[in-house]
């Protein structure tokens, strides 16, 4: 099995509803995102998928959240915009855009803490 990973980052603000602590207040992060794409077969060029395609697709997906107040996005009207929910959103959007292949998404909220979603 082959696996490729690309990285992007975006800046956004959020607050956690019903949370008893500092994250209940409006605050922001520079999120770092790692997206992995896996498959068993290489194409005739010896690539699983072009890195350019992965990077451009990820840029579009995180661009949707860049410099936004995440709580106002439709995806977070019911669910808190936690790193876990953000990872799932990115996973689903990447998989839909590429027709499969996404194996893992990790969202780093701080340099020392991340949430990962796998299928």
PDB file of N, CA and C in Angstrom:
ATOM      1  N   UNK A   1       0.852  -1.178   0.000  1.00  0.00           N
ATOM      2  CA  UNK A   1       0.000   0.000   0.000  1.00  0.00           C
ATOM      3  C   UNK A   1       0.894   1.236   0.000  1.00  0.00           C
ATOM      4  N   UNK A   2       0.557   2.181  -0.854  1.00  0.00           N
ATOM      5  CA  UNK A   2       1.261   3.459  -0.910  1.00  0.00           C
ATOM      6  C   UNK A   2       0.417   4.508  -0.181  1.00  0.00           C
ATOM      7  N   UNK A   3       1.098   5.484   0.408  1.00  0.00           N
ATOM      8  CA  UNK A   3       0.382   6.580   1.064  1.00  0.00           C
ATOM      9  C   UNK A   3       1.147   7.871   0.848  1.00  0.00           C
ATOM     10  N   UNK A   4       0.433   8.884   0.386  1.00  0.00           N
ATOM     11  CA  UNK A   4       0.986  10.223   0.202  1.00  0.00           C
ATOM     12  C   UNK A   4       0.359  11.138   1.242  1.00  0.00           C
ATOM     13  N   UNK A   5       1.115  12.134   1.689  1.00  0.00           N
ATOM     14  CA  UNK A   5       0.587  13.105   2.651  1.00  0.00           C
ATOM     15  C   UNK A   5       0.949  14.507   2.204  1.00  0.00           C
ATOM     16  N   UNK A   6      -0.046  15.393   2.241  1.00  0.00           N
ATOM     17  CA  UNK A   6       0.174  16.806   1.941  1.00  0.00           C
ATOM     18  C   UNK A   6      -0.252  17.624   3.153  1.00  0.00           C
ATOM     19  N   UNK A   7       0.235  18.840   3.206  1.00  0.00           N
ATOM     20  CA  UNK A   7       0.003  19.709   4.364  1.00  0.00           C
ATOM     21  C   UNK A   7      -0.486  21.072   3.902  1.00  0.00           C
ATOM     22  N   UNK A   8      -1.338  21.680   4.712  1.00  0.00           N
ATOM     23  CA  UNK A   8      -1.794  23.052   4.486  1.00  0.00           C
ATOM     24  C   UNK A   8      -2.070  23.666   5.851  1.00  0.00           C
ATOM     25  N   UNK A   9      -2.322  24.946   5.847  1.00  0.00           N
ATOM     26  CA  UNK A   9      -2.735  25.594   7.090  1.00  0.00           C
ATOM     27  C   UNK A   9      -3.756  26.672   6.785  1.00  0.00           C
ATOM     28  N   UNK A  10      -4.518  27.015   7.806  1.00  0.00           N
ATOM     29  CA  UNK A  10      -5.488  28.096   7.684  1.00  0.00           C
ATOM     30  C   UNK A  10      -5.694  28.713   9.059  1.00  0.00           C
ATOM     31  N   UNK A  11      -6.168  29.941   9.057  1.00  0.00           N
ATOM     32  CA  UNK A  11      -6.454  30.674  10.289  1.00  0.00           C
ATOM     33  C   UNK A  11      -7.960  30.810  10.432  1.00  0.00           C
ATOM     34  N   UNK A  12      -8.454  30.582  11.636  1.00  0.00           N
ATOM     35  CA  UNK A  12      -9.886  30.701  11.879  1.00  0.00           C
ATOM     36  C   UNK A  12     -10.136  30.943  13.360  1.00  0.00           C
ATOM     37  N   UNK A  13     -11.328  31.473  13.631  1.00  0.00           N
ATOM     38  CA  UNK A  13     -11.762  31.709  15.009  1.00  0.00           C
ATOM     39  C   UNK A  13     -12.930  30.783  15.326  1.00  0.00           C
ATOM     40  N   UNK A  14     -13.095  30.486  16.595  1.00  0.00           N
ATOM     41  CA  UNK A  14     -14.232  29.687  17.045  1.00  0.00           C
ATOM     42  C   UNK A  14     -14.388  29.841  18.545  1.00  0.00           C
ATOM     43  N   UNK A  15     -15.468  29.309  19.039  1.00  0.00           N
ATOM     44  CA  UNK A  15     -15.641  29.117  20.475  1.00  0.00           C
ATOM     45  C   UNK A  15     -16.434  27.831  20.658  1.00  0.00           C
ATOM     46  N   UNK A  16     -16.268  27.214  21.800  1.00  0.00           N
ATOM     47  CA  UNK A  16     -16.933  25.940  22.067  1.00  0.00           C
ATOM     48  C   UNK A  16     -18.151  26.172  22.947  1.00  0.00           C
ATOM     49  N   UNK A  17     -19.313  25.940  22.377  1.00  0.00           N
ATOM     50  CA  UNK A  17     -20.565  26.100  23.110  1.00  0.00           C
ATOM     51  C   UNK A  17     -20.678  25.018  24.183  1.00  0.00           C
ATOM     52  N   UNK A  18     -21.264  25.382  25.301  1.00  0.00           N
ATOM     53  CA  UNK A  18     -21.505  24.462  26.430  1.00  0.00           C
ATOM     54  C   UNK A  18     -20.214  23.932  27.051  1.00  0.00           C
ATOM     55  N   UNK A  19     -19.092  24.586  26.794  1.00  0.00           N
ATOM     56  CA  UNK A  19     -17.807  24.165  27.348  1.00  0.00           C
ATOM     57  C   UNK A  19     -17.494  25.048  28.543  1.00  0.00           C
ATOM     58  N   UNK A  20     -17.107  24.464  29.654  1.00  0.00           N
ATOM     59  CA  UNK A  20     -16.789  25.224  30.852  1.00  0.00           C
ATOM     60  C   UNK A  20     -15.280  25.409  30.931  1.00  0.00           C
ATOM     61  N   UNK A  21     -14.793  26.478  30.339  1.00  0.00           N
ATOM     62  CA  UNK A  21     -13.361  26.743  30.336  1.00  0.00           C
ATOM     63  C   UNK A  21     -13.027  27.845  29.352  1.00  0.00           C
ATOM     64  N   UNK A  22     -11.746  28.134  29.198  1.00  0.00           N
ATOM     65  CA  UNK A  22     -11.322  29.253  28.360  1.00  0.00           C
ATOM     66  C   UNK A  22     -11.777  29.144  26.903  1.00  0.00           C
ATOM     67  N   UNK A  23     -11.914  27.942  26.380  1.00  0.00           N
ATOM     68  CA  UNK A  23     -12.284  27.779  24.966  1.00  0.00           C
ATOM     69  C   UNK A  23     -13.749  28.104  24.699  1.00  0.00           C
ATOM     70  N   UNK A  24     -14.500  28.400  25.764  1.00  0.00           N
ATOM     71  CA  UNK A  24     -15.875  28.859  25.605  1.00  0.00           C
ATOM     72  C   UNK A  24     -15.888  30.267  25.003  1.00  0.00           C
ATOM     73  N   UNK A  25     -14.813  31.019  25.234  1.00  0.00           N
ATOM     74  CA  UNK A  25     -14.700  32.380  24.699  1.00  0.00           C
ATOM     75  C   UNK A  25     -14.167  32.347  23.271  1.00  0.00           C
ATOM     76  N   UNK A  26     -14.514  33.354  22.525  1.00  0.00           N
ATOM     77  CA  UNK A  26     -14.027  33.492  21.156  1.00  0.00           C
ATOM     78  C   UNK A  26     -12.501  33.550  21.155  1.00  0.00           C
ATOM     79  N   UNK A  27     -11.886  32.724  20.310  1.00  0.00           N
ATOM     80  CA  UNK A  27     -10.429  32.704  20.174  1.00  0.00           C
ATOM     81  C   UNK A  27     -10.085  32.125  18.804  1.00  0.00           C
ATOM     82  N   UNK A  28      -8.829  32.204  18.432  1.00  0.00           N
ATOM     83  CA  UNK A  28      -8.433  31.727  17.113  1.00  0.00           C
ATOM     84  C   UNK A  28      -7.240  30.803  17.150  1.00  0.00           C
ATOM     85  N   UNK A  29      -7.034  30.132  16.021  1.00  0.00           N
ATOM     86  CA  UNK A  29      -5.910  29.218  15.842  1.00  0.00           C
ATOM     87  C   UNK A  29      -5.360  29.361  14.433  1.00  0.00           C
ATOM     88  N   UNK A  30      -4.098  29.037  14.288  1.00  0.00           N
ATOM     89  CA  UNK A  30      -3.538  28.731  12.982  1.00  0.00           C
ATOM     90  C   UNK A  30      -3.517  27.213  12.913  1.00  0.00           C
ATOM     91  N   UNK A  31      -4.470  26.664  12.193  1.00  0.00           N
ATOM     92  CA  UNK A  31      -4.606  25.212  12.075  1.00  0.00           C
ATOM     93  C   UNK A  31      -3.631  24.681  11.031  1.00  0.00           C
ATOM     94  N   UNK A  32      -2.990  23.575  11.342  1.00  0.00           N
ATOM     95  CA  UNK A  32      -2.166  22.860  10.369  1.00  0.00           C
ATOM     96  C   UNK A  32      -2.894  21.558  10.059  1.00  0.00           C
ATOM     97  N   UNK A  33      -2.960  21.217   8.777  1.00  0.00           N
ATOM     98  CA  UNK A  33      -3.718  20.053   8.335  1.00  0.00           C
ATOM     99  C   UNK A  33      -2.813  19.118   7.544  1.00  0.00           C
ATOM    100  N   UNK A  34      -2.841  17.835   7.882  1.00  0.00           N
ATOM    101  CA  UNK A  34      -2.169  16.783   7.107  1.00  0.00           C
ATOM    102  C   UNK A  34      -3.255  15.884   6.532  1.00  0.00           C
ATOM    103  N   UNK A  35      -3.219  15.692   5.219  1.00  0.00           N
ATOM    104  CA  UNK A  35      -4.165  14.798   4.554  1.00  0.00           C
ATOM    105  C   UNK A  35      -3.383  13.692   3.870  1.00  0.00           C
ATOM    106  N   UNK A  36      -3.769  12.442   4.132  1.00  0.00           N
ATOM    107  CA  UNK A  36      -3.109  11.286   3.521  1.00  0.00           C
ATOM    108  C   UNK A  36      -4.041  10.614   2.522  1.00  0.00           C
ATOM    109  N   UNK A  37      -3.443  10.179   1.427  1.00  0.00           N
ATOM    110  CA  UNK A  37      -4.141   9.502   0.334  1.00  0.00           C
ATOM    111  C   UNK A  37      -3.469   8.154   0.152  1.00  0.00           C
ATOM    112  N   UNK A  38      -4.231   7.064   0.142  1.00  0.00           N
ATOM    113  CA  UNK A  38      -3.649   5.721   0.081  1.00  0.00           C
ATOM    114  C   UNK A  38      -4.214   4.924  -1.088  1.00  0.00           C
ATOM    115  N   UNK A  39      -3.388   4.032  -1.595  1.00  0.00           N
ATOM    116  CA  UNK A  39      -3.823   3.135  -2.658  1.00  0.00           C
ATOM    117  C   UNK A  39      -2.759   2.098  -2.948  1.00  0.00           C
ATOM    118  N   UNK A  40      -3.165   1.037  -3.607  1.00  0.00           N
ATOM    119  CA  UNK A  40      -2.250  -0.076  -3.882  1.00  0.00           C
ATOM    120  C   UNK A  40      -1.600   0.002  -5.255  1.00  0.00           C
ATOM    121  N   UNK A  41      -2.197   0.749  -6.175  1.00  0.00           N
ATOM    122  CA  UNK A  41      -1.724   0.764  -7.564  1.00  0.00           C
ATOM    123  C   UNK A  41      -1.193   2.136  -7.962  1.00  0.00           C
ATOM    124  N   UNK A  42      -0.065   2.132  -8.659  1.00  0.00           N
ATOM    125  CA  UNK A  42       0.493   3.359  -9.222  1.00  0.00           C
ATOM    126  C   UNK A  42       0.032   3.495 -10.667  1.00  0.00           C
ATOM    127  N   UNK A  43      -0.020   4.736 -11.153  1.00  0.00           N
ATOM    128  CA  UNK A  43      -0.389   4.942 -12.553  1.00  0.00           C
ATOM    129  C   UNK A  43       0.811   4.676 -13.457  1.00  0.00           C
ATOM    130  N   UNK A  44       0.648   4.899 -14.750  1.00  0.00           N
ATOM    131  CA  UNK A  44       1.722   4.591 -15.696  1.00  0.00           C
ATOM    132  C   UNK A  44       2.930   5.505 -15.547  1.00  0.00           C
ATOM    133  N   UNK A  45       2.786   6.581 -14.786  1.00  0.00           N
ATOM    134  CA  UNK A  45       3.913   7.474 -14.493  1.00  0.00           C
ATOM    135  C   UNK A  45       4.620   7.090 -13.198  1.00  0.00           C
ATOM    136  N   UNK A  46       4.103   6.074 -12.524  1.00  0.00           N
ATOM    137  CA  UNK A  46       4.695   5.648 -11.263  1.00  0.00           C
ATOM    138  C   UNK A  46       4.223   6.455 -10.070  1.00  0.00           C
ATOM    139  N   UNK A  47       3.050   7.098 -10.213  1.00  0.00           N
ATOM    140  CA  UNK A  47       2.501   7.915  -9.125  1.00  0.00           C
ATOM    141  C   UNK A  47       1.172   7.337  -8.658  1.00  0.00           C
ATOM    142  N   UNK A  48       0.921   7.465  -7.384  1.00  0.00           N
ATOM    143  CA  UNK A  48      -0.384   7.108  -6.839  1.00  0.00           C
ATOM    144  C   UNK A  48      -1.412   8.139  -7.293  1.00  0.00           C
ATOM    145  N   UNK A  49      -1.086   9.387  -7.077  1.00  0.00           N
ATOM    146  CA  UNK A  49      -1.872  10.528  -7.542  1.00  0.00           C
ATOM    147  C   UNK A  49      -0.909  11.706  -7.568  1.00  0.00           C
ATOM    148  N   UNK A  50      -1.170  12.679  -8.397  1.00  0.00           N
ATOM    149  CA  UNK A  50      -0.291  13.838  -8.509  1.00  0.00           C
ATOM    150  C   UNK A  50      -0.375  14.685  -7.231  1.00  0.00           C
ATOM    151  N   UNK A  51       0.780  14.994  -6.644  1.00  0.00           N
ATOM    152  CA  UNK A  51       0.801  15.863  -5.457  1.00  0.00           C
ATOM    153  C   UNK A  51       0.086  17.184  -5.737  1.00  0.00           C
ATOM    154  N   UNK A  52       0.223  17.706  -6.940  1.00  0.00           N
ATOM    155  CA  UNK A  52      -0.404  18.983  -7.290  1.00  0.00           C
ATOM    156  C   UNK A  52      -1.921  18.904  -7.114  1.00  0.00           C
ATOM    157  N   UNK A  53      -2.517  17.803  -7.550  1.00  0.00           N
ATOM    158  CA  UNK A  53      -3.957  17.624  -7.390  1.00  0.00           C
ATOM    159  C   UNK A  53      -4.337  17.593  -5.911  1.00  0.00           C
ATOM    160  N   UNK A  54      -3.584  16.854  -5.109  1.00  0.00           N
ATOM    161  CA  UNK A  54      -3.867  16.795  -3.670  1.00  0.00           C
ATOM    162  C   UNK A  54      -3.736  18.168  -3.023  1.00  0.00           C
ATOM    163  N   UNK A  55      -2.651  18.873  -3.332  1.00  0.00           N
ATOM    164  CA  UNK A  55      -2.416  20.190  -2.733  1.00  0.00           C
ATOM    165  C   UNK A  55      -3.493  21.189  -3.140  1.00  0.00           C
ATOM    166  N   UNK A  56      -3.853  21.210  -4.423  1.00  0.00           N
ATOM    167  CA  UNK A  56      -4.867  22.155  -4.893  1.00  0.00           C
ATOM    168  C   UNK A  56      -6.235  21.859  -4.292  1.00  0.00           C
ATOM    169  N   UNK A  57      -6.566  20.592  -4.194  1.00  0.00           N
ATOM    170  CA  UNK A  57      -7.849  20.216  -3.593  1.00  0.00           C
ATOM    171  C   UNK A  57      -7.881  20.594  -2.121  1.00  0.00           C
ATOM    172  N   UNK A  58      -6.801  20.327  -1.411  1.00  0.00           N
ATOM    173  CA  UNK A  58      -6.737  20.698   0.001  1.00  0.00           C
ATOM    174  C   UNK A  58      -6.803  22.211   0.173  1.00  0.00           C
ATOM    175  N   UNK A  59      -6.145  22.956  -0.697  1.00  0.00           N
ATOM    176  CA  UNK A  59      -6.201  24.422  -0.618  1.00  0.00           C
ATOM    177  C   UNK A  59      -7.638  24.914  -0.765  1.00  0.00           C
ATOM    178  N   UNK A  60      -8.396  24.319  -1.673  1.00  0.00           N
ATOM    179  CA  UNK A  60      -9.802  24.694  -1.840  1.00  0.00           C
ATOM    180  C   UNK A  60     -10.614  24.358  -0.592  1.00  0.00           C
ATOM    181  N   UNK A  61     -10.373  23.189  -0.027  1.00  0.00           N
ATOM    182  CA  UNK A  61     -11.139  22.743   1.144  1.00  0.00           C
ATOM    183  C   UNK A  61     -10.851  23.629   2.351  1.00  0.00           C
ATOM    184  N   UNK A  62      -9.584  23.896   2.644  1.00  0.00           N
ATOM    185  CA  UNK A  62      -9.284  24.731   3.815  1.00  0.00           C
ATOM    186  C   UNK A  62      -9.594  26.194   3.533  1.00  0.00           C
ATOM    187  N   UNK A  63      -9.569  26.600   2.267  1.00  0.00           N
ATOM    188  CA  UNK A  63      -9.926  27.972   1.910  1.00  0.00           C
ATOM    189  C   UNK A  63     -11.343  28.326   2.330  1.00  0.00           C
ATOM    190  N   UNK A  64     -12.214  27.338   2.350  1.00  0.00           N
ATOM    191  CA  UNK A  64     -13.597  27.517   2.787  1.00  0.00           C
ATOM    192  C   UNK A  64     -13.663  27.983   4.243  1.00  0.00           C
ATOM    193  N   UNK A  65     -12.674  27.599   5.052  1.00  0.00           N
ATOM    194  CA  UNK A  65     -12.675  27.938   6.476  1.00  0.00           C
ATOM    195  C   UNK A  65     -11.699  29.050   6.836  1.00  0.00           C
ATOM    196  N   UNK A  66     -10.818  29.409   5.918  1.00  0.00           N
ATOM    197  CA  UNK A  66      -9.752  30.364   6.213  1.00  0.00           C
ATOM    198  C   UNK A  66     -10.312  31.738   6.563  1.00  0.00           C
ATOM    199  N   UNK A  67      -9.835  32.274   7.672  1.00  0.00           N
ATOM    200  CA  UNK A  67     -10.236  33.582   8.180  1.00  0.00           C
ATOM    201  C   UNK A  67     -11.747  33.698   8.373  1.00  0.00           C
ATOM    202  N   UNK A  68     -12.337  32.615   8.853  1.00  0.00           N
ATOM    203  CA  UNK A  68     -13.772  32.596   9.130  1.00  0.00           C
ATOM    204  C   UNK A  68     -13.999  32.357  10.619  1.00  0.00           C
ATOM    205  N   UNK A  69     -15.193  32.737  11.051  1.00  0.00           N
ATOM    206  CA  UNK A  69     -15.677  32.360  12.378  1.00  0.00           C
ATOM    207  C   UNK A  69     -16.402  31.030  12.181  1.00  0.00           C
ATOM    208  N   UNK A  70     -15.768  29.944  12.566  1.00  0.00           N
ATOM    209  CA  UNK A  70     -16.241  28.606  12.230  1.00  0.00           C
ATOM    210  C   UNK A  70     -17.647  28.313  12.741  1.00  0.00           C
ATOM    211  N   UNK A  71     -18.022  28.877  13.872  1.00  0.00           N
ATOM    212  CA  UNK A  71     -19.349  28.636  14.431  1.00  0.00           C
ATOM    213  C   UNK A  71     -20.465  29.068  13.481  1.00  0.00           C
ATOM    214  N   UNK A  72     -20.174  29.995  12.573  1.00  0.00           N
ATOM    215  CA  UNK A  72     -21.189  30.493  11.650  1.00  0.00           C
ATOM    216  C   UNK A  72     -21.334  29.644  10.390  1.00  0.00           C
ATOM    217  N   UNK A  73     -20.439  28.697  10.170  1.00  0.00           N
ATOM    218  CA  UNK A  73     -20.552  27.835   8.995  1.00  0.00           C
ATOM    219  C   UNK A  73     -21.670  26.816   9.217  1.00  0.00           C
ATOM    220  N   UNK A  74     -22.410  26.466   8.171  1.00  0.00           N
ATOM    221  CA  UNK A  74     -23.533  25.524   8.334  1.00  0.00           C
ATOM    222  C   UNK A  74     -23.135  24.202   8.983  1.00  0.00           C
ATOM    223  N   UNK A  75     -21.934  23.725   8.710  1.00  0.00           N
ATOM    224  CA  UNK A  75     -21.482  22.444   9.260  1.00  0.00           C
ATOM    225  C   UNK A  75     -21.325  22.472  10.774  1.00  0.00           C
ATOM    226  N   UNK A  76     -21.235  23.671  11.347  1.00  0.00           N
ATOM    227  CA  UNK A  76     -21.010  23.785  12.789  1.00  0.00           C
ATOM    228  C   UNK A  76     -22.160  24.487  13.511  1.00  0.00           C
ATOM    229  N   UNK A  77     -23.319  24.517  12.893  1.00  0.00           N
ATOM    230  CA  UNK A  77     -24.484  25.096  13.566  1.00  0.00           C
ATOM    231  C   UNK A  77     -24.935  24.210  14.725  1.00  0.00           C
ATOM    232  N   UNK A  78     -24.847  22.902  14.545  1.00  0.00           N
ATOM    233  CA  UNK A  78     -25.265  21.948  15.576  1.00  0.00           C
ATOM    234  C   UNK A  78     -24.080  21.400  16.366  1.00  0.00           C
ATOM    235  N   UNK A  79     -22.962  21.183  15.690  1.00  0.00           N
ATOM    236  CA  UNK A  79     -21.772  20.601  16.315  1.00  0.00           C
ATOM    237  C   UNK A  79     -20.741  21.676  16.621  1.00  0.00           C
ATOM    238  N   UNK A  80     -20.077  21.554  17.754  1.00  0.00           N
ATOM    239  CA  UNK A  80     -18.979  22.462  18.060  1.00  0.00           C
ATOM    240  C   UNK A  80     -17.876  22.309  17.016  1.00  0.00           C
ATOM    241  N   UNK A  81     -17.244  23.414  16.630  1.00  0.00           N
ATOM    242  CA  UNK A  81     -16.137  23.345  15.673  1.00  0.00           C
ATOM    243  C   UNK A  81     -14.839  22.914  16.360  1.00  0.00           C
ATOM    244  N   UNK A  82     -14.850  21.687  16.852  1.00  0.00           N
ATOM    245  CA  UNK A  82     -13.663  21.117  17.492  1.00  0.00           C
ATOM    246  C   UNK A  82     -12.698  20.627  16.421  1.00  0.00           C
ATOM    247  N   UNK A  83     -11.479  20.366  16.815  1.00  0.00           N
ATOM    248  CA  UNK A  83     -10.500  19.810  15.872  1.00  0.00           C
ATOM    249  C   UNK A  83     -11.006  18.483  15.307  1.00  0.00           C
ATOM    250  N   UNK A  84     -11.717  17.710  16.121  1.00  0.00           N
ATOM    251  CA  UNK A  84     -12.267  16.435  15.663  1.00  0.00           C
ATOM    252  C   UNK A  84     -13.281  16.634  14.538  1.00  0.00           C
ATOM    253  N   UNK A  85     -14.214  17.564  14.739  1.00  0.00           N
ATOM    254  CA  UNK A  85     -15.222  17.819  13.704  1.00  0.00           C
ATOM    255  C   UNK A  85     -14.604  18.455  12.458  1.00  0.00           C
ATOM    256  N   UNK A  86     -13.611  19.301  12.638  1.00  0.00           N
ATOM    257  CA  UNK A  86     -12.928  19.902  11.487  1.00  0.00           C
ATOM    258  C   UNK A  86     -12.223  18.820  10.679  1.00  0.00           C
ATOM    259  N   UNK A  87     -11.573  17.879  11.355  1.00  0.00           N
ATOM    260  CA  UNK A  87     -10.893  16.780  10.656  1.00  0.00           C
ATOM    261  C   UNK A  87     -11.894  15.966   9.841  1.00  0.00           C
ATOM    262  N   UNK A  88     -13.049  15.677  10.400  1.00  0.00           N
ATOM    263  CA  UNK A  88     -14.070  14.903   9.677  1.00  0.00           C
ATOM    264  C   UNK A  88     -14.592  15.684   8.475  1.00  0.00           C
ATOM    265  N   UNK A  89     -14.809  16.980   8.639  1.00  0.00           N
ATOM    266  CA  UNK A  89     -15.278  17.811   7.527  1.00  0.00           C
ATOM    267  C   UNK A  89     -14.267  17.801   6.382  1.00  0.00           C
ATOM    268  N   UNK A  90     -12.997  17.991   6.704  1.00  0.00           N
ATOM    269  CA  UNK A  90     -11.953  17.990   5.674  1.00  0.00           C
ATOM    270  C   UNK A  90     -11.872  16.620   5.013  1.00  0.00           C
ATOM    271  N   UNK A  91     -11.923  15.561   5.798  1.00  0.00           N
ATOM    272  CA  UNK A  91     -11.895  14.197   5.262  1.00  0.00           C
ATOM    273  C   UNK A  91     -13.018  13.999   4.241  1.00  0.00           C
ATOM    274  N   UNK A  92     -14.236  14.332   4.627  1.00  0.00           N
ATOM    275  CA  UNK A  92     -15.392  14.124   3.750  1.00  0.00           C
ATOM    276  C   UNK A  92     -15.298  14.959   2.481  1.00  0.00           C
ATOM    277  N   UNK A  93     -14.900  16.209   2.610  1.00  0.00           N
ATOM    278  CA  UNK A  93     -14.807  17.075   1.424  1.00  0.00           C
ATOM    279  C   UNK A  93     -13.689  16.632   0.486  1.00  0.00           C
ATOM    280  N   UNK A  94     -12.568  16.214   1.044  1.00  0.00           N
ATOM    281  CA  UNK A  94     -11.468  15.719   0.207  1.00  0.00           C
ATOM    282  C   UNK A  94     -11.882  14.441  -0.511  1.00  0.00           C
ATOM    283  N   UNK A  95     -12.497  13.534   0.207  1.00  0.00           N
ATOM    284  CA  UNK A  95     -12.916  12.264  -0.399  1.00  0.00           C
ATOM    285  C   UNK A  95     -13.954  12.509  -1.500  1.00  0.00           C
ATOM    286  N   UNK A  96     -14.899  13.390  -1.253  1.00  0.00           N
ATOM    287  CA  UNK A  96     -15.905  13.702  -2.271  1.00  0.00           C
ATOM    288  C   UNK A  96     -15.272  14.340  -3.501  1.00  0.00           C
ATOM    289  N   UNK A  97     -14.333  15.239  -3.291  1.00  0.00           N
ATOM    290  CA  UNK A  97     -13.694  15.935  -4.412  1.00  0.00           C
ATOM    291  C   UNK A  97     -12.832  15.004  -5.253  1.00  0.00           C
ATOM    292  N   UNK A  98     -12.198  14.033  -4.613  1.00  0.00           N
ATOM    293  CA  UNK A  98     -11.255  13.158  -5.312  1.00  0.00           C
ATOM    294  C   UNK A  98     -11.844  11.792  -5.658  1.00  0.00           C
ATOM    295  N   UNK A  99     -13.056  11.532  -5.217  1.00  0.00           N
ATOM    296  CA  UNK A  99     -13.680  10.253  -5.515  1.00  0.00           C
ATOM    297  C   UNK A  99     -13.113   9.088  -4.726  1.00  0.00           C
ATOM    298  N   UNK A 100     -12.582   9.339  -3.564  1.00  0.00           N
ATOM    299  CA  UNK A 100     -12.020   8.280  -2.724  1.00  0.00           C
ATOM    300  C   UNK A 100     -10.547   8.499  -2.472  1.00  0.00           C
ATOM    301  N   UNK A 101      -9.904   7.495  -1.903  1.00  0.00           N
ATOM    302  CA  UNK A 101      -8.466   7.520  -1.681  1.00  0.00           C
ATOM    303  C   UNK A 101      -7.993   8.145  -0.388  1.00  0.00           C
ATOM    304  N   UNK A 102      -8.787   9.027   0.212  1.00  0.00           N
ATOM    305  CA  UNK A 102      -8.343   9.684   1.437  1.00  0.00           C
ATOM    306  C   UNK A 102      -8.361   8.659   2.568  1.00  0.00           C
ATOM    307  N   UNK A 103      -7.236   8.541   3.251  1.00  0.00           N
ATOM    308  CA  UNK A 103      -7.123   7.548   4.319  1.00  0.00           C
ATOM    309  C   UNK A 103      -7.083   8.156   5.714  1.00  0.00           C
ATOM    310  N   UNK A 104      -6.659   9.425   5.795  1.00  0.00           N
ATOM    311  CA  UNK A 104      -6.468  10.012   7.128  1.00  0.00           C
ATOM    312  C   UNK A 104      -6.374  11.525   7.003  1.00  0.00           C
ATOM    313  N   UNK A 105      -6.954  12.215   7.981  1.00  0.00           N
ATOM    314  CA  UNK A 105      -6.810  13.670   8.099  1.00  0.00           C
ATOM    315  C   UNK A 105      -6.452  13.984   9.541  1.00  0.00           C
ATOM    316  N   UNK A 106      -5.382  14.742   9.731  1.00  0.00           N
ATOM    317  CA  UNK A 106      -4.977  15.209  11.057  1.00  0.00           C
ATOM    318  C   UNK A 106      -5.050  16.728  11.068  1.00  0.00           C
ATOM    319  N   UNK A 107      -5.686  17.276  12.085  1.00  0.00           N
ATOM    320  CA  UNK A 107      -5.814  18.725  12.248  1.00  0.00           C
ATOM    321  C   UNK A 107      -5.095  19.110  13.527  1.00  0.00           C
ATOM    322  N   UNK A 108      -4.055  19.915  13.363  1.00  0.00           N
ATOM    323  CA  UNK A 108      -3.268  20.414  14.492  1.00  0.00           C
ATOM    324  C   UNK A 108      -3.838  21.760  14.907  1.00  0.00           C
ATOM    325  N   UNK A 109      -4.396  21.807  16.125  1.00  0.00           N
ATOM    326  CA  UNK A 109      -4.946  23.047  16.662  1.00  0.00           C
ATOM    327  C   UNK A 109      -3.846  23.893  17.297  1.00  0.00           C
ATOM    328  N   UNK A 110      -2.856  23.223  17.854  1.00  0.00           N
ATOM    329  CA  UNK A 110      -1.671  23.870  18.414  1.00  0.00           C
ATOM    330  C   UNK A 110      -0.468  23.043  17.960  1.00  0.00           C
ATOM    331  N   UNK A 111       0.747  23.537  18.170  1.00  0.00           N
ATOM    332  CA  UNK A 111       1.918  22.743  17.765  1.00  0.00           C
ATOM    333  C   UNK A 111       2.040  21.400  18.482  1.00  0.00           C
ATOM    334  N   UNK A 112       1.315  21.223  19.588  1.00  0.00           N
ATOM    335  CA  UNK A 112       1.464  19.985  20.365  1.00  0.00           C
ATOM    336  C   UNK A 112       0.184  19.165  20.497  1.00  0.00           C
ATOM    337  N   UNK A 113      -0.879  19.535  19.766  1.00  0.00           N
ATOM    338  CA  UNK A 113      -2.146  18.811  19.909  1.00  0.00           C
ATOM    339  C   UNK A 113      -2.878  18.720  18.576  1.00  0.00           C
ATOM    340  N   UNK A 114      -3.230  17.476  18.206  1.00  0.00           N
ATOM    341  CA  UNK A 114      -3.986  17.298  16.964  1.00  0.00           C
ATOM    342  C   UNK A 114      -5.080  16.261  17.157  1.00  0.00           C
ATOM    343  N   UNK A 115      -6.065  16.332  16.267  1.00  0.00           N
ATOM    344  CA  UNK A 115      -7.126  15.328  16.185  1.00  0.00           C
ATOM    345  C   UNK A 115      -7.031  14.687  14.813  1.00  0.00           C
ATOM    346  N   UNK A 116      -7.208  13.368  14.764  1.00  0.00           N
ATOM    347  CA  UNK A 116      -7.100  12.629  13.513  1.00  0.00           C
ATOM    348  C   UNK A 116      -8.404  11.900  13.231  1.00  0.00           C
ATOM    349  N   UNK A 117      -8.831  11.960  11.966  1.00  0.00           N
ATOM    350  CA  UNK A 117      -9.985  11.177  11.529  1.00  0.00           C
ATOM    351  C   UNK A 117      -9.529  10.203  10.454  1.00  0.00           C
ATOM    352  N   UNK A 118      -9.885   8.931  10.617  1.00  0.00           N
ATOM    353  CA  UNK A 118      -9.616   7.897   9.620  1.00  0.00           C
ATOM    354  C   UNK A 118     -10.911   7.150   9.351  1.00  0.00           C
ATOM    355  N   UNK A 119     -10.938   6.488   8.216  1.00  0.00           N
ATOM    356  CA  UNK A 119     -12.134   5.729   7.858  1.00  0.00           C
ATOM    357  C   UNK A 119     -11.808   4.259   7.807  1.00  0.00           C
TER     358      UNK A 119
END
